[in-house]
Amino acid sequence: MNCPNCGTSNLDNAAVCVNCGRSLGAGAPSSYTPPPPPSNFGAPPSVGAGATIPNYLWQSIVVTLCCCLPLGIVSIIFAAQVNSKLAQGDVAGAQEASQKAKMFALIGFGVGLVIIILSMIFNGAVFMNAIREAQANR
């Protein structure tokens, strides 16, 4: 028996077409719907409906280069673990690594910001002292 919708050859006693799923009986559409093809083949694993777990890698790199080297390196290590844990199916581990990468990046940014502000204050004080001494020696 050939399907009137797609022309695929089916068994004589088939109720639905093996190709398109249309009913081969009285011409009424079938309640069978074929499963959709996988839409994320080759894509990184995701959590929930379209949500992905952020890895905070670029933030970790910026913190390492600009703010605080030790905490930035720790943040990069955790950021690198997120995608590999997702690929292994360890969603809880990926979320934990993501949170740790974020935490160390934020702490490193804060520490770096405090160090930069303190060094600016110290350098400003040294500069002002040098100006006062130069004026006094005139």
C-alpha atoms as a PDB file:
ATOM      1  CA  MET A   1       0.000   0.000   0.000  1.00  0.00           C
ATOM      2  CA  ASN A   2       1.384   3.418  -0.959  1.00  0.00           C
ATOM      3  CA  CYS A   3       0.908   6.489   1.254  1.00  0.00           C
ATOM      4  CA  PRO A   4      -1.349   9.089  -0.395  1.00  0.00           C
ATOM      5  CA  ASN A   5       0.662  11.868   1.277  1.00  0.00           C
ATOM      6  CA  CYS A   6       4.309  11.015   0.530  1.00  0.00           C
ATOM      7  CA  GLY A   7       4.080   7.971  -1.753  1.00  0.00           C
ATOM      8  CA  THR A   8       6.138   5.681   0.510  1.00  0.00           C
ATOM      9  CA  SER A   9       5.431   1.969   0.140  1.00  0.00           C
ATOM     10  CA  ASN A  10       4.016   0.466   3.379  1.00  0.00           C
ATOM     11  CA  LEU A  11       2.833  -2.970   4.476  1.00  0.00           C
ATOM     12  CA  ASP A  12      -0.737  -3.839   3.454  1.00  0.00           C
ATOM     13  CA  ASN A  13      -1.906  -4.043   7.079  1.00  0.00           C
ATOM     14  CA  ALA A  14      -0.152  -0.809   8.212  1.00  0.00           C
ATOM     15  CA  ALA A  15      -2.363   1.773   9.904  1.00  0.00           C
ATOM     16  CA  VAL A  16       0.075   4.690   9.507  1.00  0.00           C
ATOM     17  CA  CYS A  17       2.808   5.543   7.011  1.00  0.00           C
ATOM     18  CA  VAL A  18       6.313   4.649   8.210  1.00  0.00           C
ATOM     19  CA  ASN A  19       7.728   7.797   6.583  1.00  0.00           C
ATOM     20  CA  CYS A  20       5.329  10.651   7.353  1.00  0.00           C
ATOM     21  CA  GLY A  21       3.006   9.156   9.997  1.00  0.00           C
ATOM     22  CA  ARG A  22      -0.228   9.844   8.085  1.00  0.00           C
ATOM     23  CA  SER A  23      -3.125   7.469   8.628  1.00  0.00           C
ATOM     24  CA  LEU A  24      -3.523   4.968   5.799  1.00  0.00           C
ATOM     25  CA  GLY A  25      -7.156   4.211   6.705  1.00  0.00           C
ATOM     26  CA  ALA A  26     -10.030   6.528   5.797  1.00  0.00           C
ATOM     27  CA  GLY A  27      -7.800   9.458   4.908  1.00  0.00           C
ATOM     28  CA  ALA A  28      -8.103  11.123   8.309  1.00  0.00           C
ATOM     29  CA  PRO A  29      -4.899  12.483   9.773  1.00  0.00           C
ATOM     30  CA  SER A  30      -3.210  10.244  12.304  1.00  0.00           C
ATOM     31  CA  SER A  31      -2.708  11.121  15.951  1.00  0.00           C
ATOM     32  CA  TYR A  32       0.836   9.750  15.617  1.00  0.00           C
ATOM     33  CA  THR A  33       3.487  12.381  15.268  1.00  0.00           C
ATOM     34  CA  PRO A  34       7.021  11.304  14.485  1.00  0.00           C
ATOM     35  CA  PRO A  35       9.664  12.390  17.005  1.00  0.00           C
ATOM     36  CA  PRO A  36      11.537  15.544  16.065  1.00  0.00           C
ATOM     37  CA  PRO A  37      15.161  15.225  15.057  1.00  0.00           C
ATOM     38  CA  PRO A  38      17.696  16.236  17.702  1.00  0.00           C
ATOM     39  CA  SER A  39      18.118  19.989  17.447  1.00  0.00           C
ATOM     40  CA  ASN A  40      21.259  20.326  19.541  1.00  0.00           C
ATOM     41  CA  PHE A  41      23.456  17.711  17.882  1.00  0.00           C
ATOM     42  CA  GLY A  42      27.052  18.831  18.312  1.00  0.00           C
ATOM     43  CA  ALA A  43      26.091  21.810  20.487  1.00  0.00           C
ATOM     44  CA  PRO A  44      27.299  22.161  24.071  1.00  0.00           C
ATOM     45  CA  PRO A  45      24.969  20.562  26.583  1.00  0.00           C
ATOM     46  CA  SER A  46      22.367  22.826  28.098  1.00  0.00           C
ATOM     47  CA  VAL A  47      20.310  22.805  31.244  1.00  0.00           C
ATOM     48  CA  GLY A  48      16.550  23.184  31.160  1.00  0.00           C
ATOM     49  CA  ALA A  49      14.790  24.767  28.230  1.00  0.00           C
ATOM     50  CA  GLY A  50      17.562  26.528  26.323  1.00  0.00           C
ATOM     51  CA  ALA A  51      19.443  27.688  29.433  1.00  0.00           C
ATOM     52  CA  THR A  52      23.174  27.118  29.565  1.00  0.00           C
ATOM     53  CA  ILE A  53      25.547  27.307  32.492  1.00  0.00           C
ATOM     54  CA  PRO A  54      27.947  30.267  32.162  1.00  0.00           C
ATOM     55  CA  ASN A  55      31.618  29.471  32.578  1.00  0.00           C
ATOM     56  CA  TYR A  56      32.923  33.019  33.326  1.00  0.00           C
ATOM     57  CA  LEU A  57      36.123  32.318  31.386  1.00  0.00           C
ATOM     58  CA  TRP A  58      36.647  35.749  29.840  1.00  0.00           C
ATOM     59  CA  GLN A  59      35.927  37.436  33.171  1.00  0.00           C
ATOM     60  CA  SER A  60      38.499  35.177  34.816  1.00  0.00           C
ATOM     61  CA  ILE A  61      41.091  36.056  32.190  1.00  0.00           C
ATOM     62  CA  VAL A  62      40.486  39.798  32.637  1.00  0.00           C
ATOM     63  CA  VAL A  63      40.800  39.479  36.423  1.00  0.00           C
ATOM     64  CA  THR A  64      44.034  37.518  35.988  1.00  0.00           C
ATOM     65  CA  LEU A  65      45.583  40.074  33.645  1.00  0.00           C
ATOM     66  CA  CYS A  66      44.335  43.289  35.260  1.00  0.00           C
ATOM     67  CA  CYS A  67      43.515  42.763  38.911  1.00  0.00           C
ATOM     68  CA  CYS A  68      44.753  39.806  40.928  1.00  0.00           C
ATOM     69  CA  LEU A  69      46.877  37.065  39.406  1.00  0.00           C
ATOM     70  CA  PRO A  70      46.464  34.302  42.045  1.00  0.00           C
ATOM     71  CA  LEU A  71      42.679  34.549  42.349  1.00  0.00           C
ATOM     72  CA  GLY A  72      42.334  34.954  38.585  1.00  0.00           C
ATOM     73  CA  ILE A  73      44.203  31.709  37.976  1.00  0.00           C
ATOM     74  CA  VAL A  74      41.956  29.848  40.421  1.00  0.00           C
ATOM     75  CA  SER A  75      38.935  31.331  38.649  1.00  0.00           C
ATOM     76  CA  ILE A  76      40.269  30.209  35.246  1.00  0.00           C
ATOM     77  CA  ILE A  77      40.709  26.653  36.554  1.00  0.00           C
ATOM     78  CA  PHE A  78      37.079  26.473  37.703  1.00  0.00           C
ATOM     79  CA  ALA A  79      35.853  28.172  34.518  1.00  0.00           C
ATOM     80  CA  ALA A  80      37.639  25.554  32.419  1.00  0.00           C
ATOM     81  CA  GLN A  81      35.887  22.759  34.316  1.00  0.00           C
ATOM     82  CA  VAL A  82      32.344  23.925  33.495  1.00  0.00           C
ATOM     83  CA  ASN A  83      32.126  22.777  29.858  1.00  0.00           C
ATOM     84  CA  SER A  84      33.931  19.487  30.461  1.00  0.00           C
ATOM     85  CA  LYS A  85      31.602  18.612  33.337  1.00  0.00           C
ATOM     86  CA  LEU A  86      28.577  19.468  31.204  1.00  0.00           C
ATOM     87  CA  ALA A  87      29.891  17.244  28.422  1.00  0.00           C
ATOM     88  CA  GLN A  88      30.179  14.387  30.926  1.00  0.00           C
ATOM     89  CA  GLY A  89      26.592  14.988  32.055  1.00  0.00           C
ATOM     90  CA  ASP A  90      27.572  16.272  35.511  1.00  0.00           C
ATOM     91  CA  VAL A  91      25.181  19.237  35.675  1.00  0.00           C
ATOM     92  CA  ALA A  92      25.514  19.705  39.440  1.00  0.00           C
ATOM     93  CA  GLY A  93      29.310  19.714  39.189  1.00  0.00           C
ATOM     94  CA  ALA A  94      29.180  22.187  36.304  1.00  0.00           C
ATOM     95  CA  GLN A  95      26.939  24.529  38.286  1.00  0.00           C
ATOM     96  CA  GLU A  96      29.254  24.301  41.287  1.00  0.00           C
ATOM     97  CA  ALA A  97      32.332  25.019  39.145  1.00  0.00           C
ATOM     98  CA  SER A  98      30.504  27.950  37.535  1.00  0.00           C
ATOM     99  CA  GLN A  99      29.629  29.452  40.911  1.00  0.00           C
ATOM    100  CA  LYS A 100      33.207  29.034  42.159  1.00  0.00           C
ATOM    101  CA  ALA A 101      34.612  30.626  38.987  1.00  0.00           C
ATOM    102  CA  LYS A 102      32.252  33.574  39.447  1.00  0.00           C
ATOM    103  CA  MET A 103      33.082  33.896  43.153  1.00  0.00           C
ATOM    104  CA  PHE A 104      36.855  33.886  42.637  1.00  0.00           C
ATOM    105  CA  ALA A 105      36.567  36.316  39.720  1.00  0.00           C
ATOM    106  CA  LEU A 106      34.531  38.750  41.813  1.00  0.00           C
ATOM    107  CA  ILE A 107      36.834  38.430  44.833  1.00  0.00           C
ATOM    108  CA  GLY A 108      39.882  38.885  42.588  1.00  0.00           C
ATOM    109  CA  PHE A 109      38.298  41.965  41.009  1.00  0.00           C
ATOM    110  CA  GLY A 110      37.561  43.436  44.439  1.00  0.00           C
ATOM    111  CA  VAL A 111      41.041  42.730  45.781  1.00  0.00           C
ATOM    112  CA  GLY A 112      42.620  44.175  42.648  1.00  0.00           C
ATOM    113  CA  LEU A 113      40.436  47.275  42.845  1.00  0.00           C
ATOM    114  CA  VAL A 114      41.381  47.859  46.496  1.00  0.00           C
ATOM    115  CA  ILE A 115      45.089  47.408  45.707  1.00  0.00           C
ATOM    116  CA  ILE A 116      44.881  49.832  42.770  1.00  0.00           C
ATOM    117  CA  ILE A 117      43.089  52.472  44.863  1.00  0.00           C
ATOM    118  CA  LEU A 118      45.547  52.100  47.752  1.00  0.00           C
ATOM    119  CA  SER A 119      48.540  52.366  45.414  1.00  0.00           C
ATOM    120  CA  MET A 120      47.055  55.496  43.825  1.00  0.00           C
ATOM    121  CA  ILE A 121      46.629  57.063  47.268  1.00  0.00           C
ATOM    122  CA  PHE A 122      50.175  56.074  48.279  1.00  0.00           C
ATOM    123  CA  ASN A 123      51.693  57.325  45.022  1.00  0.00           C
ATOM    124  CA  GLY A 124      49.716  60.557  45.310  1.00  0.00           C
ATOM    125  CA  ALA A 125      51.007  61.074  48.845  1.00  0.00           C
ATOM    126  CA  VAL A 126      54.592  60.411  47.759  1.00  0.00           C
ATOM    127  CA  PHE A 127      54.188  62.789  44.809  1.00  0.00           C
ATOM    128  CA  MET A 128      52.706  65.535  47.009  1.00  0.00           C
ATOM    129  CA  ASN A 129      55.540  65.090  49.503  1.00  0.00           C
ATOM    130  CA  ALA A 130      58.101  65.410  46.716  1.00  0.00           C
ATOM    131  CA  ILE A 131      56.449  68.635  45.534  1.00  0.00           C
ATOM    132  CA  ARG A 132      56.486  70.087  49.077  1.00  0.00           C
ATOM    133  CA  GLU A 133      60.186  69.243  49.477  1.00  0.00           C
ATOM    134  CA  ALA A 134      61.010  70.792  46.098  1.00  0.00           C
ATOM    135  CA  GLN A 135      59.189  74.002  47.064  1.00  0.00           C
ATOM    136  CA  ALA A 136      60.871  74.103  50.448  1.00  0.00           C
ATOM    137  CA  ASN A 137      64.350  73.743  48.905  1.00  0.00           C
ATOM    138  CA  ARG A 138      63.901  76.704  46.603  1.00  0.00           C
END
